[in-house]
Structures are given as C-alpha cells and as structure tokens.
Amino acid sequence: MRTLAVTFIALSLATSVAFAADSKAGAAAYDKSCKGCHGPTGSPNAAIAKMMNVTIPELGSAAVQGLSDADLAKIINDGKGKMKPIKTLSASPDDVVAFVRTLKK
C-alpha cells in the first residue's frame, strides 16, 4: 500500500510539472500583446487610458492578484470592458497569467 501511495504522489508531481505554466513564454507574449496598454511592468500606460477614457488596473495590485488564474485567463480570452479579447497570443493564456503573477507588489 505504501508503494502505491508513493507511486501516486510521484506521478502527481510529475504531471503537475509537465503542465505547469511557463512565465518566460508568458513574458514574451505579454511583451507582444499586452505591454502597449499595461506597460512593461504592469503599470498602466496613462496615455492609452486617457485616450480610451478607461482606468487600466495595475497588474501587480492586490485587486488583480486576488483574481483566480481562471478569472485572469478568461479576461485574456474574452476581454473585459473596452479591452478586446486577445486572440493572437504567442503563448497560452496560462503562461501569461503565470507572468502576471510575477508582477505582484
């Protein structure tokens, strides 16, 4: 029984590592598709926000960081408010979410 439990734990860890999001790939996709509005460090581009008459959230803020990974991926995929869906990502939305998590203040 103990061998079975150890095997199960090892397989679970291997599977989670294999499916882990890649924040480096997310950073590259962010640079291409998100940086124009959200800035290189997650701080909003004031000129874009003024032009679009919107408040762009600070991606490192508690409000954004408090969202679930699924919620952030949904915003990337579906858009929110005046933000259009991002359909041309060079990485998965999960990778971009992993990068956004690195911006936590």
C-alpha atoms as a PDB file:
ATOM      1  CA  MET A   1       0.000   0.000   0.000  1.00  0.00           C
ATOM      2  CA  ARG A   2       2.826   2.391   0.859  1.00  0.00           C
ATOM      3  CA  THR A   3       4.481   1.752  -2.517  1.00  0.00           C
ATOM      4  CA  LEU A   4       1.227   2.555  -4.251  1.00  0.00           C
ATOM      5  CA  ALA A   5       0.889   5.842  -2.351  1.00  0.00           C
ATOM      6  CA  VAL A   6       4.479   6.859  -3.134  1.00  0.00           C
ATOM      7  CA  THR A   7       3.983   5.996  -6.807  1.00  0.00           C
ATOM      8  CA  PHE A   8       0.776   8.031  -6.948  1.00  0.00           C
ATOM      9  CA  ILE A   9       2.443  11.055  -5.353  1.00  0.00           C
ATOM     10  CA  ALA A  10       5.400  10.827  -7.738  1.00  0.00           C
ATOM     11  CA  LEU A  11       3.106  10.630 -10.772  1.00  0.00           C
ATOM     12  CA  SER A  12       1.030  13.550  -9.491  1.00  0.00           C
ATOM     13  CA  LEU A  13       4.116  15.726  -9.086  1.00  0.00           C
ATOM     14  CA  ALA A  14       5.467  14.760 -12.495  1.00  0.00           C
ATOM     15  CA  THR A  15       2.132  15.558 -14.115  1.00  0.00           C
ATOM     16  CA  SER A  16       1.847  18.945 -12.415  1.00  0.00           C
ATOM     17  CA  VAL A  17       5.373  19.879 -13.517  1.00  0.00           C
ATOM     18  CA  ALA A  18       4.623  18.810 -17.092  1.00  0.00           C
ATOM     19  CA  PHE A  19       1.534  21.028 -17.210  1.00  0.00           C
ATOM     20  CA  ALA A  20       2.954  23.986 -15.270  1.00  0.00           C
ATOM     21  CA  ALA A  21       2.574  27.356 -16.934  1.00  0.00           C
ATOM     22  CA  ASP A  22       5.715  28.958 -18.365  1.00  0.00           C
ATOM     23  CA  SER A  23       6.152  32.529 -17.116  1.00  0.00           C
ATOM     24  CA  LYS A  24       9.044  33.129 -19.569  1.00  0.00           C
ATOM     25  CA  ALA A  25       6.814  32.274 -22.528  1.00  0.00           C
ATOM     26  CA  GLY A  26       4.126  34.392 -20.881  1.00  0.00           C
ATOM     27  CA  ALA A  27       6.523  37.335 -20.618  1.00  0.00           C
ATOM     28  CA  ALA A  28       7.272  37.161 -24.346  1.00  0.00           C
ATOM     29  CA  ALA A  29       3.561  37.016 -25.187  1.00  0.00           C
ATOM     30  CA  TYR A  30       2.867  39.874 -22.750  1.00  0.00           C
ATOM     31  CA  ASP A  31       5.547  41.992 -24.446  1.00  0.00           C
ATOM     32  CA  LYS A  32       3.872  41.460 -27.836  1.00  0.00           C
ATOM     33  CA  SER A  33       0.191  41.690 -26.931  1.00  0.00           C
ATOM     34  CA  CYS A  34      -0.259  43.427 -23.567  1.00  0.00           C
ATOM     35  CA  LYS A  35       2.619  45.807 -22.872  1.00  0.00           C
ATOM     36  CA  GLY A  36       1.209  48.604 -25.038  1.00  0.00           C
ATOM     37  CA  CYS A  37      -1.677  49.219 -22.627  1.00  0.00           C
ATOM     38  CA  HIS A  38      -0.483  47.589 -19.415  1.00  0.00           C
ATOM     39  CA  GLY A  39       3.123  48.803 -19.556  1.00  0.00           C
ATOM     40  CA  PRO A  40       6.297  46.732 -19.281  1.00  0.00           C
ATOM     41  CA  THR A  41       5.934  46.259 -15.513  1.00  0.00           C
ATOM     42  CA  GLY A  42       2.146  46.029 -15.271  1.00  0.00           C
ATOM     43  CA  SER A  43       1.719  49.749 -14.614  1.00  0.00           C
ATOM     44  CA  PRO A  44      -0.916  51.197 -16.946  1.00  0.00           C
ATOM     45  CA  ASN A  45       0.007  53.342 -19.929  1.00  0.00           C
ATOM     46  CA  ALA A  46      -1.556  56.670 -18.898  1.00  0.00           C
ATOM     47  CA  ALA A  47      -1.781  57.970 -22.480  1.00  0.00           C
ATOM     48  CA  ILE A  48      -3.726  54.896 -23.656  1.00  0.00           C
ATOM     49  CA  ALA A  49      -6.002  55.027 -20.603  1.00  0.00           C
ATOM     50  CA  LYS A  50      -6.757  58.712 -21.252  1.00  0.00           C
ATOM     51  CA  MET A  51      -7.322  58.170 -24.977  1.00  0.00           C
ATOM     52  CA  MET A  52      -9.737  55.284 -24.316  1.00  0.00           C
ATOM     53  CA  ASN A  53     -11.292  57.026 -21.293  1.00  0.00           C
ATOM     54  CA  VAL A  54     -10.764  53.982 -19.067  1.00  0.00           C
ATOM     55  CA  THR A  55      -8.980  53.064 -15.886  1.00  0.00           C
ATOM     56  CA  ILE A  56      -6.433  50.355 -16.602  1.00  0.00           C
ATOM     57  CA  PRO A  57      -5.685  48.362 -13.465  1.00  0.00           C
ATOM     58  CA  GLU A  58      -2.208  47.959 -12.020  1.00  0.00           C
ATOM     59  CA  LEU A  59      -1.481  44.287 -12.727  1.00  0.00           C
ATOM     60  CA  GLY A  60       0.585  43.912  -9.573  1.00  0.00           C
ATOM     61  CA  SER A  61      -2.181  45.302  -7.359  1.00  0.00           C
ATOM     62  CA  ALA A  62      -3.981  43.281  -4.714  1.00  0.00           C
ATOM     63  CA  ALA A  63      -7.208  43.589  -6.722  1.00  0.00           C
ATOM     64  CA  VAL A  64      -5.734  41.953  -9.822  1.00  0.00           C
ATOM     65  CA  GLN A  65      -3.531  39.495  -7.948  1.00  0.00           C
ATOM     66  CA  GLY A  66      -6.574  38.459  -5.910  1.00  0.00           C
ATOM     67  CA  LEU A  67      -8.325  37.174  -9.038  1.00  0.00           C
ATOM     68  CA  SER A  68      -8.096  33.462  -9.704  1.00  0.00           C
ATOM     69  CA  ASP A  69      -5.932  32.159 -12.544  1.00  0.00           C
ATOM     70  CA  ALA A  70      -9.146  31.106 -14.299  1.00  0.00           C
ATOM     71  CA  ASP A  71     -10.562  34.631 -13.995  1.00  0.00           C
ATOM     72  CA  LEU A  72      -7.396  36.186 -15.430  1.00  0.00           C
ATOM     73  CA  ALA A  73      -7.323  33.678 -18.308  1.00  0.00           C
ATOM     74  CA  LYS A  74     -10.987  34.465 -19.023  1.00  0.00           C
ATOM     75  CA  ILE A  75     -10.202  38.184 -19.236  1.00  0.00           C
ATOM     76  CA  ILE A  76      -7.340  37.455 -21.639  1.00  0.00           C
ATOM     77  CA  ASN A  77      -9.524  35.169 -23.776  1.00  0.00           C
ATOM     78  CA  ASP A  78     -12.804  37.114 -23.658  1.00  0.00           C
ATOM     79  CA  GLY A  79     -11.766  40.699 -22.909  1.00  0.00           C
ATOM     80  CA  LYS A  80     -13.309  42.971 -20.293  1.00  0.00           C
ATOM     81  CA  GLY A  81     -14.874  46.377 -20.708  1.00  0.00           C
ATOM     82  CA  LYS A  82     -13.095  48.112 -23.569  1.00  0.00           C
ATOM     83  CA  MET A  83     -10.319  45.523 -23.578  1.00  0.00           C
ATOM     84  CA  LYS A  84     -10.789  43.276 -26.571  1.00  0.00           C
ATOM     85  CA  PRO A  85     -10.139  39.533 -26.416  1.00  0.00           C
ATOM     86  CA  ILE A  86      -6.519  38.691 -27.125  1.00  0.00           C
ATOM     87  CA  LYS A  87      -6.692  36.097 -29.913  1.00  0.00           C
ATOM     88  CA  THR A  88      -3.127  36.320 -31.225  1.00  0.00           C
ATOM     89  CA  LEU A  89      -1.091  35.255 -28.197  1.00  0.00           C
ATOM     90  CA  SER A  90       2.224  33.589 -28.935  1.00  0.00           C
ATOM     91  CA  ALA A  91       1.782  31.533 -25.728  1.00  0.00           C
ATOM     92  CA  SER A  92      -1.127  30.089 -23.802  1.00  0.00           C
ATOM     93  CA  PRO A  93      -3.235  32.380 -21.587  1.00  0.00           C
ATOM     94  CA  ASP A  94      -1.995  30.291 -18.639  1.00  0.00           C
ATOM     95  CA  ASP A  95       1.567  31.313 -19.468  1.00  0.00           C
ATOM     96  CA  VAL A  96       0.569  34.993 -19.495  1.00  0.00           C
ATOM     97  CA  VAL A  97      -1.217  34.530 -16.168  1.00  0.00           C
ATOM     98  CA  ALA A  98       1.980  32.972 -14.771  1.00  0.00           C
ATOM     99  CA  PHE A  99       3.869  36.066 -15.912  1.00  0.00           C
ATOM    100  CA  VAL A 100       1.255  38.429 -14.434  1.00  0.00           C
ATOM    101  CA  ARG A 101       1.731  36.631 -11.098  1.00  0.00           C
ATOM    102  CA  THR A 102       5.408  37.705 -11.189  1.00  0.00           C
ATOM    103  CA  LEU A 103       4.265  41.362 -11.144  1.00  0.00           C
ATOM    104  CA  LYS A 104       2.802  41.076  -7.634  1.00  0.00           C
ATOM    105  CA  LYS A 105       3.758  44.032  -5.454  1.00  0.00           C
END
